Amino acid sequence: MAMVSEQLVALGKMTVDELAEKYREVFGVPTRTRNKPYLQKRVAWRIQELAEGGLSERALAKIEELAPLAPARWRPERLSGGARLAPSGAPVPARSRDTRLPTSGSVLVRFYKGVEHRVTVLAEGFEYSGERHQSLSKIAKKITGTQWNGHLFFGTQHRSRNTQEERR
């Protein structure tokens, strides 16, 4: 158990990039988030799950009984070839890339303070000013000097009508 507690303490000292790599290590898939507190919690949960075991068969059966159509909140089992199974035994479709993004090779253009900024969408990440970046938010911060949701800054996502009305 000491090894687990040491790993959990180490999570508090990791950068977002290190947490994303640790996420890939313990889950076997890359993360799509850059939210540090969320990554710390998810990775900590997974480290403990691996050390102590996951949900019992009884708990999984009860979840399936009570909410057969609800999305699974636990990690589905892996099949050979990387396919996944839901607790019901049905295959889980693989995650596709972020639907807010245009296809790889597309160029996002944003004018900010009279300057045109061009970002190329890559298969994994983005290219801006000859440098590769993992998120649009980092590029938006580099351009503006302040925190931004990169999808809102580059127009790949718009605020929902409810969000706009709540802010008034």
C-alpha atoms as a PDB file:
ATOM      1  CA  MET A   1       0.000   0.000   0.000  1.00  0.00           C
ATOM      2  CA  ALA A   2       2.966   2.317   0.608  1.00  0.00           C
ATOM      3  CA  MET A   3       3.726   2.318  -3.099  1.00  0.00           C
ATOM      4  CA  VAL A   4       0.151   3.412  -3.855  1.00  0.00           C
ATOM      5  CA  SER A   5       0.283   6.256  -1.325  1.00  0.00           C
ATOM      6  CA  GLU A   6       3.629   7.411  -2.762  1.00  0.00           C
ATOM      7  CA  GLN A   7       2.126   7.458  -6.250  1.00  0.00           C
ATOM      8  CA  LEU A   8      -0.871   9.455  -4.999  1.00  0.00           C
ATOM      9  CA  VAL A   9       1.395  12.026  -3.320  1.00  0.00           C
ATOM     10  CA  ALA A  10       3.439  12.308  -6.533  1.00  0.00           C
ATOM     11  CA  LEU A  11       0.277  13.187  -8.514  1.00  0.00           C
ATOM     12  CA  GLY A  12       0.006  16.443  -6.559  1.00  0.00           C
ATOM     13  CA  LYS A  13       3.417  17.547  -7.836  1.00  0.00           C
ATOM     14  CA  MET A  14       2.881  16.644 -11.511  1.00  0.00           C
ATOM     15  CA  THR A  15       2.337  19.095 -14.350  1.00  0.00           C
ATOM     16  CA  VAL A  16      -0.641  18.698 -16.671  1.00  0.00           C
ATOM     17  CA  ASP A  17       1.612  17.112 -19.311  1.00  0.00           C
ATOM     18  CA  GLU A  18       2.955  14.610 -16.782  1.00  0.00           C
ATOM     19  CA  LEU A  19      -0.583  13.833 -15.606  1.00  0.00           C
ATOM     20  CA  ALA A  20      -1.711  13.308 -19.209  1.00  0.00           C
ATOM     21  CA  GLU A  21       1.158  10.859 -19.726  1.00  0.00           C
ATOM     22  CA  LYS A  22       0.339   9.066 -16.466  1.00  0.00           C
ATOM     23  CA  TYR A  23      -3.313   8.898 -17.596  1.00  0.00           C
ATOM     24  CA  ARG A  24      -2.206   7.228 -20.832  1.00  0.00           C
ATOM     25  CA  GLU A  25      -0.071   4.833 -18.793  1.00  0.00           C
ATOM     26  CA  VAL A  26      -2.797   3.712 -16.371  1.00  0.00           C
ATOM     27  CA  PHE A  27      -5.799   3.802 -18.733  1.00  0.00           C
ATOM     28  CA  GLY A  28      -4.098   2.775 -21.961  1.00  0.00           C
ATOM     29  CA  VAL A  29      -5.659   5.617 -23.950  1.00  0.00           C
ATOM     30  CA  PRO A  30      -4.825   9.331 -24.233  1.00  0.00           C
ATOM     31  CA  THR A  31      -6.920  11.865 -22.353  1.00  0.00           C
ATOM     32  CA  ARG A  32      -8.822  14.601 -24.130  1.00  0.00           C
ATOM     33  CA  THR A  33      -8.813  16.956 -21.153  1.00  0.00           C
ATOM     34  CA  ARG A  34      -6.174  19.295 -19.782  1.00  0.00           C
ATOM     35  CA  ASN A  35      -8.042  19.877 -16.502  1.00  0.00           C
ATOM     36  CA  LYS A  36      -5.418  19.256 -13.829  1.00  0.00           C
ATOM     37  CA  PRO A  37      -7.724  18.546 -10.838  1.00  0.00           C
ATOM     38  CA  TYR A  38      -9.820  16.171 -12.926  1.00  0.00           C
ATOM     39  CA  LEU A  39      -6.734  14.311 -14.184  1.00  0.00           C
ATOM     40  CA  GLN A  40      -5.364  14.036 -10.648  1.00  0.00           C
ATOM     41  CA  LYS A  41      -8.648  12.503  -9.409  1.00  0.00           C
ATOM     42  CA  ARG A  42      -9.072  10.109 -12.325  1.00  0.00           C
ATOM     43  CA  VAL A  43      -5.468   8.884 -12.230  1.00  0.00           C
ATOM     44  CA  ALA A  44      -5.604   8.522  -8.424  1.00  0.00           C
ATOM     45  CA  TRP A  45      -8.823   6.516  -8.722  1.00  0.00           C
ATOM     46  CA  ARG A  46      -7.282   4.264 -11.385  1.00  0.00           C
ATOM     47  CA  ILE A  47      -4.077   3.684  -9.387  1.00  0.00           C
ATOM     48  CA  GLN A  48      -6.194   2.621  -6.421  1.00  0.00           C
ATOM     49  CA  GLU A  49      -8.453   0.495  -8.609  1.00  0.00           C
ATOM     50  CA  LEU A  50      -5.454  -1.356 -10.018  1.00  0.00           C
ATOM     51  CA  ALA A  51      -4.020  -1.921  -6.533  1.00  0.00           C
ATOM     52  CA  GLU A  52      -7.237  -2.822  -4.708  1.00  0.00           C
ATOM     53  CA  GLY A  53      -9.423  -4.171  -7.508  1.00  0.00           C
ATOM     54  CA  GLY A  54     -12.368  -2.560  -9.256  1.00  0.00           C
ATOM     55  CA  LEU A  55     -16.074  -2.864  -8.641  1.00  0.00           C
ATOM     56  CA  SER A  56     -17.261  -6.295  -7.590  1.00  0.00           C
ATOM     57  CA  GLU A  57     -19.239  -8.491  -9.979  1.00  0.00           C
ATOM     58  CA  ARG A  58     -22.247  -7.971  -7.709  1.00  0.00           C
ATOM     59  CA  ALA A  59     -21.924  -4.167  -7.946  1.00  0.00           C
ATOM     60  CA  LEU A  60     -21.533  -4.320 -11.739  1.00  0.00           C
ATOM     61  CA  ALA A  61     -24.601  -6.545 -12.011  1.00  0.00           C
ATOM     62  CA  LYS A  62     -26.642  -4.163  -9.830  1.00  0.00           C
ATOM     63  CA  ILE A  63     -25.600  -1.168 -11.926  1.00  0.00           C
ATOM     64  CA  GLU A  64     -26.584  -3.032 -15.085  1.00  0.00           C
ATOM     65  CA  GLU A  65     -29.922  -3.986 -13.530  1.00  0.00           C
ATOM     66  CA  LEU A  66     -30.761  -0.464 -12.340  1.00  0.00           C
ATOM     67  CA  ALA A  67     -29.494   1.478 -15.351  1.00  0.00           C
ATOM     68  CA  PRO A  68     -28.978  -0.759 -18.388  1.00  0.00           C
ATOM     69  CA  LEU A  69     -28.890   2.186 -20.813  1.00  0.00           C
ATOM     70  CA  ALA A  70     -26.889   4.617 -18.660  1.00  0.00           C
ATOM     71  CA  PRO A  71     -23.347   5.385 -19.812  1.00  0.00           C
ATOM     72  CA  ALA A  72     -20.735   3.381 -17.949  1.00  0.00           C
ATOM     73  CA  ARG A  73     -18.763   5.421 -15.396  1.00  0.00           C
ATOM     74  CA  TRP A  74     -16.131   2.760 -14.898  1.00  0.00           C
ATOM     75  CA  ARG A  75     -13.524   1.515 -17.324  1.00  0.00           C
ATOM     76  CA  PRO A  76     -14.904  -1.210 -19.612  1.00  0.00           C
ATOM     77  CA  GLU A  77     -12.927  -4.415 -20.123  1.00  0.00           C
ATOM     78  CA  ARG A  78     -10.556  -4.594 -23.074  1.00  0.00           C
ATOM     79  CA  LEU A  79     -10.830  -7.276 -25.712  1.00  0.00           C
ATOM     80  CA  SER A  80      -7.994  -8.477 -27.897  1.00  0.00           C
ATOM     81  CA  GLY A  81      -7.263  -5.863 -30.520  1.00  0.00           C
ATOM     82  CA  GLY A  82      -8.133  -3.019 -28.154  1.00  0.00           C
ATOM     83  CA  ALA A  83     -11.936  -3.221 -28.502  1.00  0.00           C
ATOM     84  CA  ARG A  84     -13.889  -2.633 -25.308  1.00  0.00           C
ATOM     85  CA  LEU A  85     -16.876  -4.327 -23.671  1.00  0.00           C
ATOM     86  CA  ALA A  86     -19.561  -2.661 -21.598  1.00  0.00           C
ATOM     87  CA  PRO A  87     -20.739  -4.547 -18.499  1.00  0.00           C
ATOM     88  CA  SER A  88     -23.619  -5.927 -20.587  1.00  0.00           C
ATOM     89  CA  GLY A  89     -21.062  -7.592 -22.868  1.00  0.00           C
ATOM     90  CA  ALA A  90     -21.911  -5.362 -25.826  1.00  0.00           C
ATOM     91  CA  PRO A  91     -18.972  -3.758 -27.662  1.00  0.00           C
ATOM     92  CA  VAL A  92     -18.351  -0.098 -26.823  1.00  0.00           C
ATOM     93  CA  PRO A  93     -17.648   2.021 -29.892  1.00  0.00           C
ATOM     94  CA  ALA A  94     -14.185   3.587 -29.974  1.00  0.00           C
ATOM     95  CA  ARG A  95     -14.022   7.309 -29.235  1.00  0.00           C
ATOM     96  CA  SER A  96     -13.716   9.413 -32.302  1.00  0.00           C
ATOM     97  CA  ARG A  97     -11.794  12.642 -32.445  1.00  0.00           C
ATOM     98  CA  ASP A  98     -13.307  15.800 -31.008  1.00  0.00           C
ATOM     99  CA  THR A  99     -16.368  16.613 -33.115  1.00  0.00           C
ATOM    100  CA  ARG A 100     -15.823  20.358 -32.658  1.00  0.00           C
ATOM    101  CA  LEU A 101     -12.647  20.183 -34.762  1.00  0.00           C
ATOM    102  CA  PRO A 102     -12.484  20.219 -38.541  1.00  0.00           C
ATOM    103  CA  THR A 103     -10.517  17.493 -40.320  1.00  0.00           C
ATOM    104  CA  SER A 104      -6.728  17.277 -40.119  1.00  0.00           C
ATOM    105  CA  GLY A 105      -5.023  19.740 -42.415  1.00  0.00           C
ATOM    106  CA  SER A 106      -7.707  22.398 -41.940  1.00  0.00           C
ATOM    107  CA  VAL A 107      -6.564  25.874 -40.970  1.00  0.00           C
ATOM    108  CA  LEU A 108      -8.315  27.880 -38.270  1.00  0.00           C
ATOM    109  CA  VAL A 109      -7.986  31.626 -38.727  1.00  0.00           C
ATOM    110  CA  ARG A 110      -8.569  34.210 -36.000  1.00  0.00           C
ATOM    111  CA  PHE A 111      -7.990  37.934 -36.179  1.00  0.00           C
ATOM    112  CA  TYR A 112      -6.975  39.335 -32.809  1.00  0.00           C
ATOM    113  CA  LYS A 113      -6.049  42.983 -32.284  1.00  0.00           C
ATOM    114  CA  GLY A 114      -5.618  43.437 -36.023  1.00  0.00           C
ATOM    115  CA  VAL A 115      -3.288  40.452 -36.461  1.00  0.00           C
ATOM    116  CA  GLU A 116      -4.203  37.291 -38.348  1.00  0.00           C
ATOM    117  CA  HIS A 117      -3.385  34.062 -36.480  1.00  0.00           C
ATOM    118  CA  ARG A 118      -3.438  30.743 -38.383  1.00  0.00           C
ATOM    119  CA  VAL A 119      -3.565  27.335 -36.685  1.00  0.00           C
ATOM    120  CA  THR A 120      -3.299  24.078 -38.619  1.00  0.00           C
ATOM    121  CA  VAL A 121      -5.298  21.143 -37.244  1.00  0.00           C
ATOM    122  CA  LEU A 122      -3.101  18.023 -37.104  1.00  0.00           C
ATOM    123  CA  ALA A 123      -4.080  14.381 -36.564  1.00  0.00           C
ATOM    124  CA  GLU A 124      -2.874  14.840 -32.977  1.00  0.00           C
ATOM    125  CA  GLY A 125      -2.608  18.434 -31.845  1.00  0.00           C
ATOM    126  CA  PHE A 126      -2.156  21.727 -33.637  1.00  0.00           C
ATOM    127  CA  GLU A 127       0.569  23.761 -35.314  1.00  0.00           C
ATOM    128  CA  TYR A 128       0.920  27.470 -34.698  1.00  0.00           C
ATOM    129  CA  SER A 129       3.878  29.651 -35.712  1.00  0.00           C
ATOM    130  CA  GLY A 130       5.947  26.587 -36.574  1.00  0.00           C
ATOM    131  CA  GLU A 131       5.393  24.964 -33.154  1.00  0.00           C
ATOM    132  CA  ARG A 132       3.245  21.964 -32.205  1.00  0.00           C
ATOM    133  CA  HIS A 133       0.702  22.377 -29.409  1.00  0.00           C
ATOM    134  CA  GLN A 134      -1.632  19.874 -27.757  1.00  0.00           C
ATOM    135  CA  SER A 135      -4.521  22.278 -27.165  1.00  0.00           C
ATOM    136  CA  LEU A 136      -6.165  25.283 -28.726  1.00  0.00           C
ATOM    137  CA  SER A 137      -6.380  26.849 -25.262  1.00  0.00           C
ATOM    138  CA  LYS A 138      -2.581  27.006 -24.983  1.00  0.00           C
ATOM    139  CA  ILE A 139      -2.399  28.709 -28.363  1.00  0.00           C
ATOM    140  CA  ALA A 140      -5.146  31.175 -27.389  1.00  0.00           C
ATOM    141  CA  LYS A 141      -3.256  32.008 -24.182  1.00  0.00           C
ATOM    142  CA  LYS A 142      -0.043  32.497 -26.161  1.00  0.00           C
ATOM    143  CA  ILE A 143      -1.857  34.940 -28.462  1.00  0.00           C
ATOM    144  CA  THR A 144      -3.809  36.882 -25.834  1.00  0.00           C
ATOM    145  CA  GLY A 145      -1.756  36.457 -22.685  1.00  0.00           C
ATOM    146  CA  THR A 146      -4.873  35.372 -20.757  1.00  0.00           C
ATOM    147  CA  GLN A 147      -6.751  32.113 -20.187  1.00  0.00           C
ATOM    148  CA  TRP A 148      -9.230  31.255 -22.920  1.00  0.00           C
ATOM    149  CA  ASN A 149     -11.284  28.247 -23.932  1.00  0.00           C
ATOM    150  CA  GLY A 150      -9.508  27.533 -27.208  1.00  0.00           C
ATOM    151  CA  HIS A 151     -12.630  26.247 -28.931  1.00  0.00           C
ATOM    152  CA  LEU A 152     -14.483  29.479 -28.128  1.00  0.00           C
ATOM    153  CA  PHE A 153     -11.500  31.642 -29.111  1.00  0.00           C
ATOM    154  CA  PHE A 154     -11.127  29.970 -32.526  1.00  0.00           C
ATOM    155  CA  GLY A 155     -14.875  29.591 -33.109  1.00  0.00           C
ATOM    156  CA  THR A 156     -15.036  25.787 -33.194  1.00  0.00           C
ATOM    157  CA  GLN A 157     -17.608  25.898 -30.363  1.00  0.00           C
ATOM    158  CA  HIS A 158     -20.143  28.559 -29.505  1.00  0.00           C
ATOM    159  CA  ARG A 159     -21.604  29.359 -26.110  1.00  0.00           C
ATOM    160  CA  SER A 160     -24.964  27.742 -25.629  1.00  0.00           C
ATOM    161  CA  ARG A 161     -27.959  30.026 -25.570  1.00  0.00           C
ATOM    162  CA  ASN A 162     -28.641  29.070 -21.925  1.00  0.00           C
ATOM    163  CA  THR A 163     -25.116  30.038 -20.880  1.00  0.00           C
ATOM    164  CA  GLN A 164     -25.437  33.432 -22.548  1.00  0.00           C
ATOM    165  CA  GLU A 165     -28.802  34.099 -20.900  1.00  0.00           C
ATOM    166  CA  GLU A 166     -27.471  33.084 -17.463  1.00  0.00           C
ATOM    167  CA  ARG A 167     -24.603  35.591 -17.741  1.00  0.00           C
ATOM    168  CA  ARG A 168     -26.965  38.543 -18.398  1.00  0.00           C
END
